[in-house]
Amino acid sequence: MFGIASRGLKEGASVFLVLAKIIFPVTVIITILQYTPVLPFFIELIAPFMHVLGLSGEAAMPLVLGNALGLYAGIGAIISFDFTVKEVFIMAMMLSFSHNIFVESAVASRVGVSWWLVSLIRIVLAILSALIINLVWDGGAEIAQYGFLASSEVVLHSWGAIVLHGFKTALMAIVQISLIIFPLMIMMQFLRELGFLHKISKLFAPFTKMLGMKENTSFTLVAGMIVGLSMGAGVMIQAVKEDGVSKKDTILALIFLVSCHAVIEDTVVFIPLGIPVWPLLFIRFLTAVVLTVIVAVVWNRMEKTQKGRKLKYEH
């Protein structure tokens, strides 16, 4: 048992280093940028387009901060304004798809998909969801009630303090990652060596097959849906090496998790904003299933076409 745990700890350290090398510098840079004219520039730039999405100009701030710094920064900005329930729901839906986009897309790109493609998919899903919700929902005109939440902002008065704050934020981010990734990798090692990983894969085999993936992708999907896109990408990196997950299945799993990851945290965190959260979860899950199935079908047809051409050429 000790040997299994030590091997899991070793694998955890390997995955942690991969994630930390990306997350630490990106978090430092983005945290510092919020105290420069850069983020206000982007907020001012996109504010005129907010009405197309059914939002007021002030919604630009939560969306920019949520995408740059994460869900909690976006929520902190939301509660600084009086938005309607519909506006809060639209912003929550958008941020569910595209929050913390720089860090998570950079980490996800280590699986083999370009970071810009991951970012593009998430941004397109966020915009489409906002457009559809704005068109089909006529209600939600009342002002949202934010419960016991209160807005808070760190006030810094020098560049030294800003840089130090950036490093502290990044350090806290990778500490939080370590608290998840090491137990997760140790658990995976036990599941793998004791044969339980195969049983889990069998249990979710019908679902992964529906999505166009083999059963050995199951644990990657489950882990990503529970612990998030960054952690899911870390598990994928490990799964490719240890469990023989194919490149195709890895990319399909990533596409699914781009739309639907960290479903518990990313859903519960919006409850204090006074909006219906079950539709958030349902829309994300349905979008992930539909998008992954479409990509899998197109991919399979392309493979069959190429195989047919190859056989024709050989004859």
C-alpha atoms as a PDB file:
ATOM      1  CA  MET A   1       0.000   0.000   0.000  1.00  0.00           C
ATOM      2  CA  PHE A   2       2.849   2.360   0.834  1.00  0.00           C
ATOM      3  CA  GLY A   3       4.427   1.594  -2.536  1.00  0.00           C
ATOM      4  CA  ILE A   4       1.210   2.490  -4.362  1.00  0.00           C
ATOM      5  CA  ALA A   5       0.894   5.736  -2.411  1.00  0.00           C
ATOM      6  CA  SER A   6       4.501   6.704  -3.105  1.00  0.00           C
ATOM      7  CA  ARG A   7       4.086   6.021  -6.827  1.00  0.00           C
ATOM      8  CA  GLY A   8       0.922   8.119  -6.812  1.00  0.00           C
ATOM      9  CA  LEU A   9       2.763  10.891  -4.990  1.00  0.00           C
ATOM     10  CA  LYS A  10       5.522  10.788  -7.595  1.00  0.00           C
ATOM     11  CA  GLU A  11       3.015  11.016 -10.442  1.00  0.00           C
ATOM     12  CA  GLY A  12       1.257  13.841  -8.602  1.00  0.00           C
ATOM     13  CA  ALA A  13       4.509  15.773  -8.374  1.00  0.00           C
ATOM     14  CA  SER A  14       5.059  15.331 -12.106  1.00  0.00           C
ATOM     15  CA  VAL A  15       1.576  16.609 -12.990  1.00  0.00           C
ATOM     16  CA  PHE A  16       1.795  19.411 -10.420  1.00  0.00           C
ATOM     17  CA  LEU A  17       5.021  20.731 -11.975  1.00  0.00           C
ATOM     18  CA  VAL A  18       3.411  20.770 -15.434  1.00  0.00           C
ATOM     19  CA  LEU A  19       0.430  22.769 -14.127  1.00  0.00           C
ATOM     20  CA  ALA A  20       2.451  25.081 -11.861  1.00  0.00           C
ATOM     21  CA  LYS A  21       4.786  26.141 -14.686  1.00  0.00           C
ATOM     22  CA  ILE A  22       1.760  27.505 -16.531  1.00  0.00           C
ATOM     23  CA  ILE A  23      -0.565  28.656 -13.762  1.00  0.00           C
ATOM     24  CA  PHE A  24       1.954  30.564 -11.617  1.00  0.00           C
ATOM     25  CA  PRO A  25       3.299  33.017 -14.249  1.00  0.00           C
ATOM     26  CA  VAL A  26      -0.097  33.520 -15.930  1.00  0.00           C
ATOM     27  CA  THR A  27      -1.761  34.240 -12.582  1.00  0.00           C
ATOM     28  CA  VAL A  28       0.971  36.732 -11.623  1.00  0.00           C
ATOM     29  CA  ILE A  29       0.633  38.585 -14.936  1.00  0.00           C
ATOM     30  CA  ILE A  30      -3.175  38.698 -14.973  1.00  0.00           C
ATOM     31  CA  THR A  31      -3.382  39.746 -11.303  1.00  0.00           C
ATOM     32  CA  ILE A  32      -0.967  42.633 -11.916  1.00  0.00           C
ATOM     33  CA  LEU A  33      -2.841  43.679 -15.078  1.00  0.00           C
ATOM     34  CA  GLN A  34      -6.003  44.413 -13.100  1.00  0.00           C
ATOM     35  CA  TYR A  35      -4.168  47.350 -11.495  1.00  0.00           C
ATOM     36  CA  THR A  36      -3.098  48.772 -14.870  1.00  0.00           C
ATOM     37  CA  PRO A  37      -5.130  50.495 -17.624  1.00  0.00           C
ATOM     38  CA  VAL A  38      -5.230  47.215 -19.601  1.00  0.00           C
ATOM     39  CA  LEU A  39      -8.373  45.666 -18.087  1.00  0.00           C
ATOM     40  CA  PRO A  40     -10.272  48.988 -17.968  1.00  0.00           C
ATOM     41  CA  PHE A  41      -9.397  49.390 -21.662  1.00  0.00           C
ATOM     42  CA  PHE A  42     -10.998  46.061 -22.541  1.00  0.00           C
ATOM     43  CA  ILE A  43     -14.023  46.883 -20.379  1.00  0.00           C
ATOM     44  CA  GLU A  44     -14.505  50.178 -22.197  1.00  0.00           C
ATOM     45  CA  LEU A  45     -13.948  48.433 -25.540  1.00  0.00           C
ATOM     46  CA  ILE A  46     -16.690  45.806 -25.177  1.00  0.00           C
ATOM     47  CA  ALA A  47     -19.225  47.855 -23.171  1.00  0.00           C
ATOM     48  CA  PRO A  48     -21.065  49.119 -26.315  1.00  0.00           C
ATOM     49  CA  PHE A  49     -21.728  45.525 -27.436  1.00  0.00           C
ATOM     50  CA  MET A  50     -23.364  44.436 -24.182  1.00  0.00           C
ATOM     51  CA  HIS A  51     -26.907  45.387 -25.231  1.00  0.00           C
ATOM     52  CA  VAL A  52     -26.762  42.815 -28.042  1.00  0.00           C
ATOM     53  CA  LEU A  53     -26.409  40.138 -25.360  1.00  0.00           C
ATOM     54  CA  GLY A  54     -29.241  41.573 -23.284  1.00  0.00           C
ATOM     55  CA  LEU A  55     -26.894  43.278 -20.834  1.00  0.00           C
ATOM     56  CA  SER A  56     -26.200  46.812 -19.688  1.00  0.00           C
ATOM     57  CA  GLY A  57     -22.824  48.450 -20.251  1.00  0.00           C
ATOM     58  CA  GLU A  58     -21.774  47.779 -16.652  1.00  0.00           C
ATOM     59  CA  ALA A  59     -21.848  44.022 -17.380  1.00  0.00           C
ATOM     60  CA  ALA A  60     -18.565  44.427 -19.263  1.00  0.00           C
ATOM     61  CA  MET A  61     -16.705  44.615 -15.942  1.00  0.00           C
ATOM     62  CA  PRO A  62     -17.852  41.243 -14.498  1.00  0.00           C
ATOM     63  CA  LEU A  63     -17.286  39.540 -17.850  1.00  0.00           C
ATOM     64  CA  VAL A  64     -13.754  40.893 -18.327  1.00  0.00           C
ATOM     65  CA  LEU A  65     -12.736  40.242 -14.715  1.00  0.00           C
ATOM     66  CA  GLY A  66     -14.363  36.794 -14.696  1.00  0.00           C
ATOM     67  CA  ASN A  67     -12.573  35.769 -17.863  1.00  0.00           C
ATOM     68  CA  ALA A  68      -9.252  37.228 -16.775  1.00  0.00           C
ATOM     69  CA  LEU A  69      -9.198  36.366 -13.065  1.00  0.00           C
ATOM     70  CA  GLY A  70     -11.831  33.684 -12.482  1.00  0.00           C
ATOM     71  CA  LEU A  71     -15.403  33.156 -11.314  1.00  0.00           C
ATOM     72  CA  TYR A  72     -14.974  34.777  -7.922  1.00  0.00           C
ATOM     73  CA  ALA A  73     -13.620  37.982  -9.439  1.00  0.00           C
ATOM     74  CA  GLY A  74     -16.570  38.038 -11.828  1.00  0.00           C
ATOM     75  CA  ILE A  75     -19.051  37.472  -9.001  1.00  0.00           C
ATOM     76  CA  GLY A  76     -17.369  40.185  -6.947  1.00  0.00           C
ATOM     77  CA  ALA A  77     -17.936  42.601  -9.832  1.00  0.00           C
ATOM     78  CA  ILE A  78     -21.554  41.465 -10.337  1.00  0.00           C
ATOM     79  CA  ILE A  79     -22.541  42.268  -6.770  1.00  0.00           C
ATOM     80  CA  SER A  80     -21.073  45.754  -7.140  1.00  0.00           C
ATOM     81  CA  PHE A  81     -23.963  46.708  -9.436  1.00  0.00           C
ATOM     82  CA  ASP A  82     -27.747  46.414  -9.467  1.00  0.00           C
ATOM     83  CA  PHE A  83     -28.411  43.957 -12.296  1.00  0.00           C
ATOM     84  CA  THR A  84     -31.699  42.264 -13.136  1.00  0.00           C
ATOM     85  CA  VAL A  85     -32.157  38.530 -12.548  1.00  0.00           C
ATOM     86  CA  LYS A  86     -32.006  37.990 -16.327  1.00  0.00           C
ATOM     87  CA  GLU A  87     -28.745  39.915 -16.628  1.00  0.00           C
ATOM     88  CA  VAL A  88     -27.181  37.984 -13.736  1.00  0.00           C
ATOM     89  CA  PHE A  89     -28.323  34.680 -15.252  1.00  0.00           C
ATOM     90  CA  ILE A  90     -26.863  35.591 -18.651  1.00  0.00           C
ATOM     91  CA  MET A  91     -23.544  36.618 -17.077  1.00  0.00           C
ATOM     92  CA  ALA A  92     -23.491  33.461 -14.949  1.00  0.00           C
ATOM     93  CA  MET A  93     -24.089  31.334 -18.051  1.00  0.00           C
ATOM     94  CA  MET A  94     -21.355  33.140 -19.988  1.00  0.00           C
ATOM     95  CA  LEU A  95     -18.848  32.875 -17.145  1.00  0.00           C
ATOM     96  CA  SER A  96     -19.692  29.191 -16.681  1.00  0.00           C
ATOM     97  CA  PHE A  97     -18.356  28.626 -20.181  1.00  0.00           C
ATOM     98  CA  SER A  98     -15.462  31.069 -20.316  1.00  0.00           C
ATOM     99  CA  HIS A  99     -14.162  31.970 -16.844  1.00  0.00           C
ATOM    100  CA  ASN A 100     -10.427  32.126 -16.036  1.00  0.00           C
ATOM    101  CA  ILE A 101      -9.823  31.661 -19.733  1.00  0.00           C
ATOM    102  CA  PHE A 102      -6.104  32.458 -19.851  1.00  0.00           C
ATOM    103  CA  VAL A 103      -5.020  29.977 -17.177  1.00  0.00           C
ATOM    104  CA  GLU A 104      -7.424  27.156 -18.018  1.00  0.00           C
ATOM    105  CA  SER A 105      -6.930  27.381 -21.780  1.00  0.00           C
ATOM    106  CA  ALA A 106      -3.146  27.438 -21.372  1.00  0.00           C
ATOM    107  CA  VAL A 107      -3.246  24.333 -19.169  1.00  0.00           C
ATOM    108  CA  ALA A 108      -5.710  22.560 -21.459  1.00  0.00           C
ATOM    109  CA  SER A 109      -3.437  23.241 -24.431  1.00  0.00           C
ATOM    110  CA  ARG A 110      -0.881  20.840 -22.933  1.00  0.00           C
ATOM    111  CA  VAL A 111      -3.207  18.043 -24.009  1.00  0.00           C
ATOM    112  CA  GLY A 112      -2.468  18.896 -27.616  1.00  0.00           C
ATOM    113  CA  VAL A 113      -5.130  21.425 -28.652  1.00  0.00           C
ATOM    114  CA  SER A 114      -4.049  24.988 -29.398  1.00  0.00           C
ATOM    115  CA  TRP A 115      -4.834  27.382 -26.559  1.00  0.00           C
ATOM    116  CA  TRP A 116      -6.439  29.827 -28.965  1.00  0.00           C
ATOM    117  CA  LEU A 117      -8.822  27.120 -30.227  1.00  0.00           C
ATOM    118  CA  VAL A 118      -9.804  26.205 -26.655  1.00  0.00           C
ATOM    119  CA  SER A 119     -10.333  29.896 -25.889  1.00  0.00           C
ATOM    120  CA  LEU A 120     -12.313  30.435 -29.094  1.00  0.00           C
ATOM    121  CA  ILE A 121     -14.658  27.526 -28.347  1.00  0.00           C
ATOM    122  CA  ARG A 122     -15.324  28.804 -24.831  1.00  0.00           C
ATOM    123  CA  ILE A 123     -15.913  32.401 -25.973  1.00  0.00           C
ATOM    124  CA  VAL A 124     -18.234  31.328 -28.813  1.00  0.00           C
ATOM    125  CA  LEU A 125     -20.251  29.119 -26.425  1.00  0.00           C
ATOM    126  CA  ALA A 126     -20.515  32.013 -23.961  1.00  0.00           C
ATOM    127  CA  ILE A 127     -21.735  34.464 -26.619  1.00  0.00           C
ATOM    128  CA  LEU A 128     -24.184  32.003 -28.199  1.00  0.00           C
ATOM    129  CA  SER A 129     -25.665  31.104 -24.816  1.00  0.00           C
ATOM    130  CA  ALA A 130     -26.194  34.793 -24.016  1.00  0.00           C
ATOM    131  CA  LEU A 131     -27.831  35.476 -27.387  1.00  0.00           C
ATOM    132  CA  ILE A 132     -30.194  32.493 -27.050  1.00  0.00           C
ATOM    133  CA  ILE A 133     -31.168  33.256 -23.444  1.00  0.00           C
ATOM    134  CA  ASN A 134     -31.806  36.896 -24.348  1.00  0.00           C
ATOM    135  CA  LEU A 135     -34.067  35.840 -27.230  1.00  0.00           C
ATOM    136  CA  VAL A 136     -36.092  33.087 -25.543  1.00  0.00           C
ATOM    137  CA  TRP A 137     -36.484  34.438 -21.980  1.00  0.00           C
ATOM    138  CA  ASP A 138     -38.895  37.335 -21.493  1.00  0.00           C
ATOM    139  CA  GLY A 139     -38.838  37.258 -17.671  1.00  0.00           C
ATOM    140  CA  GLY A 140     -36.241  38.103 -15.054  1.00  0.00           C
ATOM    141  CA  ALA A 141     -36.816  41.865 -15.140  1.00  0.00           C
ATOM    142  CA  GLU A 142     -36.746  42.227 -11.349  1.00  0.00           C
ATOM    143  CA  ILE A 143     -33.571  43.359  -9.607  1.00  0.00           C
ATOM    144  CA  ALA A 144     -31.463  40.416  -8.394  1.00  0.00           C
ATOM    145  CA  GLN A 145     -31.085  39.920  -4.656  1.00  0.00           C
ATOM    146  CA  TYR A 146     -27.530  38.943  -3.696  1.00  0.00           C
ATOM    147  CA  GLY A 147     -28.228  37.453  -0.276  1.00  0.00           C
ATOM    148  CA  PHE A 148     -25.398  37.951   2.232  1.00  0.00           C
ATOM    149  CA  LEU A 149     -22.699  38.589  -0.342  1.00  0.00           C
ATOM    150  CA  ALA A 150     -20.721  41.783  -0.066  1.00  0.00           C
ATOM    151  CA  SER A 151     -18.320  43.287  -2.548  1.00  0.00           C
ATOM    152  CA  SER A 152     -14.690  43.510  -1.534  1.00  0.00           C
ATOM    153  CA  GLU A 153     -11.648  44.936  -3.291  1.00  0.00           C
ATOM    154  CA  VAL A 154      -7.972  44.937  -2.418  1.00  0.00           C
ATOM    155  CA  VAL A 155      -6.598  48.497  -2.492  1.00  0.00           C
ATOM    156  CA  LEU A 156      -2.871  48.739  -3.242  1.00  0.00           C
ATOM    157  CA  HIS A 157      -0.880  51.950  -3.425  1.00  0.00           C
ATOM    158  CA  SER A 158       2.491  51.009  -4.951  1.00  0.00           C
ATOM    159  CA  TRP A 159       3.895  48.836  -7.732  1.00  0.00           C
ATOM    160  CA  GLY A 160       5.861  46.851  -5.162  1.00  0.00           C
ATOM    161  CA  ALA A 161       2.651  46.016  -3.307  1.00  0.00           C
ATOM    162  CA  ILE A 162       0.909  45.145  -6.589  1.00  0.00           C
ATOM    163  CA  VAL A 163       3.676  42.768  -7.690  1.00  0.00           C
ATOM    164  CA  LEU A 164       3.797  41.187  -4.222  1.00  0.00           C
ATOM    165  CA  HIS A 165       0.018  40.721  -4.338  1.00  0.00           C
ATOM    166  CA  GLY A 166       0.390  39.058  -7.755  1.00  0.00           C
ATOM    167  CA  PHE A 167       2.958  36.588  -6.419  1.00  0.00           C
ATOM    168  CA  LYS A 168       0.880  35.874  -3.307  1.00  0.00           C
ATOM    169  CA  THR A 169      -2.214  35.224  -5.451  1.00  0.00           C
ATOM    170  CA  ALA A 170      -0.266  32.912  -7.762  1.00  0.00           C
ATOM    171  CA  LEU A 171       1.278  31.095  -4.795  1.00  0.00           C
ATOM    172  CA  MET A 172      -2.155  30.547  -3.253  1.00  0.00           C
ATOM    173  CA  ALA A 173      -3.404  29.257  -6.616  1.00  0.00           C
ATOM    174  CA  ILE A 174      -0.733  26.562  -6.892  1.00  0.00           C
ATOM    175  CA  VAL A 175      -1.097  25.649  -3.190  1.00  0.00           C
ATOM    176  CA  GLN A 176      -4.801  25.072  -3.809  1.00  0.00           C
ATOM    177  CA  ILE A 177      -3.902  22.994  -6.868  1.00  0.00           C
ATOM    178  CA  SER A 178      -1.489  20.872  -4.832  1.00  0.00           C
ATOM    179  CA  LEU A 179      -4.227  20.158  -2.270  1.00  0.00           C
ATOM    180  CA  ILE A 180      -6.313  18.679  -5.087  1.00  0.00           C
ATOM    181  CA  ILE A 181      -3.823  17.162  -7.504  1.00  0.00           C
ATOM    182  CA  PHE A 182      -1.752  15.090  -5.018  1.00  0.00           C
ATOM    183  CA  PRO A 183      -4.708  13.295  -3.371  1.00  0.00           C
ATOM    184  CA  LEU A 184      -6.272  12.859  -6.820  1.00  0.00           C
ATOM    185  CA  MET A 185      -3.150  11.268  -8.302  1.00  0.00           C
ATOM    186  CA  ILE A 186      -2.682   9.004  -5.269  1.00  0.00           C
ATOM    187  CA  MET A 187      -6.334   7.946  -5.531  1.00  0.00           C
ATOM    188  CA  MET A 188      -5.906   7.276  -9.249  1.00  0.00           C
ATOM    189  CA  GLN A 189      -2.850   5.140  -8.540  1.00  0.00           C
ATOM    190  CA  PHE A 190      -4.794   3.029  -6.020  1.00  0.00           C
ATOM    191  CA  LEU A 191      -7.753   2.726  -8.383  1.00  0.00           C
ATOM    192  CA  ARG A 192      -5.464   1.735 -11.231  1.00  0.00           C
ATOM    193  CA  GLU A 193      -3.328  -0.828  -9.407  1.00  0.00           C
ATOM    194  CA  LEU A 194      -6.205  -2.380  -7.437  1.00  0.00           C
ATOM    195  CA  GLY A 195      -8.352  -2.764 -10.552  1.00  0.00           C
ATOM    196  CA  PHE A 196     -11.077  -0.283  -9.595  1.00  0.00           C
ATOM    197  CA  LEU A 197     -10.260   2.113 -12.442  1.00  0.00           C
ATOM    198  CA  HIS A 198     -11.273  -0.579 -14.921  1.00  0.00           C
ATOM    199  CA  LYS A 199     -14.568  -1.054 -13.068  1.00  0.00           C
ATOM    200  CA  ILE A 200     -15.266   2.696 -13.110  1.00  0.00           C
ATOM    201  CA  SER A 201     -14.482   2.764 -16.817  1.00  0.00           C
ATOM    202  CA  LYS A 202     -16.907  -0.115 -17.379  1.00  0.00           C
ATOM    203  CA  LEU A 203     -19.611   1.702 -15.398  1.00  0.00           C
ATOM    204  CA  PHE A 204     -19.375   4.842 -17.519  1.00  0.00           C
ATOM    205  CA  ALA A 205     -18.613   2.995 -20.763  1.00  0.00           C
ATOM    206  CA  PRO A 206     -22.095   3.564 -22.289  1.00  0.00           C
ATOM    207  CA  PHE A 207     -21.798   7.322 -21.702  1.00  0.00           C
ATOM    208  CA  THR A 208     -18.275   7.626 -23.093  1.00  0.00           C
ATOM    209  CA  LYS A 209     -19.253   5.428 -26.056  1.00  0.00           C
ATOM    210  CA  MET A 210     -22.183   7.738 -26.779  1.00  0.00           C
ATOM    211  CA  LEU A 211     -19.703  10.602 -26.872  1.00  0.00           C
ATOM    212  CA  GLY A 212     -17.490   8.711 -29.331  1.00  0.00           C
ATOM    213  CA  MET A 213     -14.759   7.737 -26.845  1.00  0.00           C
ATOM    214  CA  LYS A 214     -13.417   4.464 -25.509  1.00  0.00           C
ATOM    215  CA  GLU A 215     -14.128   3.373 -21.939  1.00  0.00           C
ATOM    216  CA  ASN A 216     -10.621   4.158 -20.673  1.00  0.00           C
ATOM    217  CA  THR A 217     -11.519   7.863 -21.015  1.00  0.00           C
ATOM    218  CA  SER A 218     -14.226   7.575 -18.340  1.00  0.00           C
ATOM    219  CA  PHE A 219     -12.151   8.525 -15.313  1.00  0.00           C
ATOM    220  CA  THR A 220     -10.738  11.554 -17.105  1.00  0.00           C
ATOM    221  CA  LEU A 221     -14.263  12.824 -17.806  1.00  0.00           C
ATOM    222  CA  VAL A 222     -15.484  12.205 -14.265  1.00  0.00           C
ATOM    223  CA  ALA A 223     -12.424  13.870 -12.718  1.00  0.00           C
ATOM    224  CA  GLY A 224     -12.703  16.913 -14.987  1.00  0.00           C
ATOM    225  CA  MET A 225     -16.425  17.329 -14.325  1.00  0.00           C
ATOM    226  CA  ILE A 226     -15.792  17.252 -10.573  1.00  0.00           C
ATOM    227  CA  VAL A 227     -12.479  19.073 -10.040  1.00  0.00           C
ATOM    228  CA  GLY A 228     -12.310  21.369 -13.079  1.00  0.00           C
ATOM    229  CA  LEU A 229     -10.705  21.933 -16.459  1.00  0.00           C
ATOM    230  CA  SER A 230      -7.168  22.561 -15.203  1.00  0.00           C
ATOM    231  CA  MET A 231      -7.201  19.457 -13.014  1.00  0.00           C
ATOM    232  CA  GLY A 232      -8.977  17.500 -15.723  1.00  0.00           C
ATOM    233  CA  ALA A 233      -6.216  18.410 -18.152  1.00  0.00           C
ATOM    234  CA  GLY A 234      -3.666  17.235 -15.595  1.00  0.00           C
ATOM    235  CA  VAL A 235      -5.475  13.911 -15.281  1.00  0.00           C
ATOM    236  CA  MET A 236      -5.574  13.646 -19.088  1.00  0.00           C
ATOM    237  CA  ILE A 237      -1.821  14.104 -19.325  1.00  0.00           C
ATOM    238  CA  GLN A 238      -1.394  11.289 -16.840  1.00  0.00           C
ATOM    239  CA  ALA A 239      -4.056   9.094 -18.472  1.00  0.00           C
ATOM    240  CA  VAL A 240      -2.398   9.315 -21.873  1.00  0.00           C
ATOM    241  CA  LYS A 241       0.840   8.051 -20.333  1.00  0.00           C
ATOM    242  CA  GLU A 242      -0.541   5.411 -17.955  1.00  0.00           C
ATOM    243  CA  ASP A 243      -3.849   4.186 -19.397  1.00  0.00           C
ATOM    244  CA  GLY A 244      -3.233   4.337 -23.132  1.00  0.00           C
ATOM    245  CA  VAL A 245      -5.912   6.955 -23.845  1.00  0.00           C
ATOM    246  CA  SER A 246      -5.685   7.788 -27.547  1.00  0.00           C
ATOM    247  CA  LYS A 247      -5.029  11.263 -28.912  1.00  0.00           C
ATOM    248  CA  LYS A 248      -8.503  11.353 -30.419  1.00  0.00           C
ATOM    249  CA  ASP A 249     -10.234  10.388 -27.164  1.00  0.00           C
ATOM    250  CA  THR A 250      -8.106  12.877 -25.233  1.00  0.00           C
ATOM    251  CA  ILE A 251      -9.159  15.732 -27.505  1.00  0.00           C
ATOM    252  CA  LEU A 252     -12.832  14.679 -27.415  1.00  0.00           C
ATOM    253  CA  ALA A 253     -12.685  14.552 -23.615  1.00  0.00           C
ATOM    254  CA  LEU A 254     -11.154  18.024 -23.575  1.00  0.00           C
ATOM    255  CA  ILE A 255     -13.908  19.342 -25.852  1.00  0.00           C
ATOM    256  CA  PHE A 256     -16.507  17.952 -23.435  1.00  0.00           C
ATOM    257  CA  LEU A 257     -14.761  19.462 -20.404  1.00  0.00           C
ATOM    258  CA  VAL A 258     -14.370  22.839 -22.114  1.00  0.00           C
ATOM    259  CA  SER A 259     -18.163  23.104 -21.913  1.00  0.00           C
ATOM    260  CA  CYS A 260     -18.844  21.209 -18.697  1.00  0.00           C
ATOM    261  CA  HIS A 261     -16.244  21.087 -15.920  1.00  0.00           C
ATOM    262  CA  ALA A 262     -16.200  21.609 -12.137  1.00  0.00           C
ATOM    263  CA  VAL A 263     -19.979  21.256 -12.249  1.00  0.00           C
ATOM    264  CA  ILE A 264     -20.433  21.277  -8.462  1.00  0.00           C
ATOM    265  CA  GLU A 265     -18.332  24.345  -7.617  1.00  0.00           C
ATOM    266  CA  ASP A 266     -19.226  26.298 -10.763  1.00  0.00           C
ATOM    267  CA  THR A 267     -22.942  25.764 -10.077  1.00  0.00           C
ATOM    268  CA  VAL A 268     -23.077  26.220  -6.294  1.00  0.00           C
ATOM    269  CA  VAL A 269     -21.031  29.427  -6.428  1.00  0.00           C
ATOM    270  CA  PHE A 270     -23.887  31.223  -8.231  1.00  0.00           C
ATOM    271  CA  ILE A 271     -26.591  30.304  -5.693  1.00  0.00           C
ATOM    272  CA  PRO A 272     -26.078  33.454  -3.545  1.00  0.00           C
ATOM    273  CA  LEU A 273     -26.749  35.620  -6.613  1.00  0.00           C
ATOM    274  CA  GLY A 274     -30.440  34.747  -6.458  1.00  0.00           C
ATOM    275  CA  ILE A 275     -30.735  33.056  -9.853  1.00  0.00           C
ATOM    276  CA  PRO A 276     -31.994  29.571 -10.861  1.00  0.00           C
ATOM    277  CA  VAL A 277     -28.855  27.401 -10.944  1.00  0.00           C
ATOM    278  CA  TRP A 278     -30.259  24.076 -12.220  1.00  0.00           C
ATOM    279  CA  PRO A 279     -30.728  25.505 -15.734  1.00  0.00           C
ATOM    280  CA  LEU A 280     -27.042  26.528 -15.659  1.00  0.00           C
ATOM    281  CA  LEU A 281     -25.981  22.946 -15.023  1.00  0.00           C
ATOM    282  CA  PHE A 282     -28.437  21.486 -17.537  1.00  0.00           C
ATOM    283  CA  ILE A 283     -27.423  23.865 -20.345  1.00  0.00           C
ATOM    284  CA  ARG A 284     -23.704  23.260 -19.766  1.00  0.00           C
ATOM    285  CA  PHE A 285     -24.110  19.470 -19.709  1.00  0.00           C
ATOM    286  CA  LEU A 286     -26.371  19.401 -22.781  1.00  0.00           C
ATOM    287  CA  THR A 287     -24.005  21.706 -24.689  1.00  0.00           C
ATOM    288  CA  ALA A 288     -21.033  19.489 -23.810  1.00  0.00           C
ATOM    289  CA  VAL A 289     -22.819  16.332 -24.974  1.00  0.00           C
ATOM    290  CA  VAL A 290     -24.066  17.829 -28.245  1.00  0.00           C
ATOM    291  CA  LEU A 291     -20.746  19.508 -29.100  1.00  0.00           C
ATOM    292  CA  THR A 292     -18.677  16.392 -28.348  1.00  0.00           C
ATOM    293  CA  VAL A 293     -21.009  14.089 -30.302  1.00  0.00           C
ATOM    294  CA  ILE A 294     -20.928  16.411 -33.341  1.00  0.00           C
ATOM    295  CA  VAL A 295     -17.115  16.577 -33.305  1.00  0.00           C
ATOM    296  CA  ALA A 296     -16.880  12.781 -32.860  1.00  0.00           C
ATOM    297  CA  VAL A 297     -19.263  12.096 -35.763  1.00  0.00           C
ATOM    298  CA  VAL A 298     -17.436  14.502 -38.081  1.00  0.00           C
ATOM    299  CA  TRP A 299     -14.078  13.076 -37.011  1.00  0.00           C
ATOM    300  CA  ASN A 300     -15.224   9.471 -37.648  1.00  0.00           C
ATOM    301  CA  ARG A 301     -16.552  10.351 -41.093  1.00  0.00           C
ATOM    302  CA  MET A 302     -13.306  12.081 -41.997  1.00  0.00           C
ATOM    303  CA  GLU A 303     -11.353   9.007 -40.859  1.00  0.00           C
ATOM    304  CA  LYS A 304     -13.569   6.704 -42.951  1.00  0.00           C
ATOM    305  CA  THR A 305     -13.182   8.968 -45.985  1.00  0.00           C
ATOM    306  CA  GLN A 306      -9.403   9.048 -45.619  1.00  0.00           C
ATOM    307  CA  LYS A 307      -9.289   5.277 -45.108  1.00  0.00           C
ATOM    308  CA  GLY A 308     -11.436   4.757 -48.213  1.00  0.00           C
ATOM    309  CA  ARG A 309      -9.181   6.990 -50.291  1.00  0.00           C
ATOM    310  CA  LYS A 310      -6.107   5.154 -49.008  1.00  0.00           C
ATOM    311  CA  LEU A 311      -7.564   1.752 -49.945  1.00  0.00           C
ATOM    312  CA  LYS A 312      -8.592   3.065 -53.357  1.00  0.00           C
ATOM    313  CA  TYR A 313      -5.113   4.421 -53.921  1.00  0.00           C
ATOM    314  CA  GLU A 314      -3.489   1.114 -52.873  1.00  0.00           C
ATOM    315  CA  HIS A 315      -5.655  -0.829 -55.346  1.00  0.00           C
END
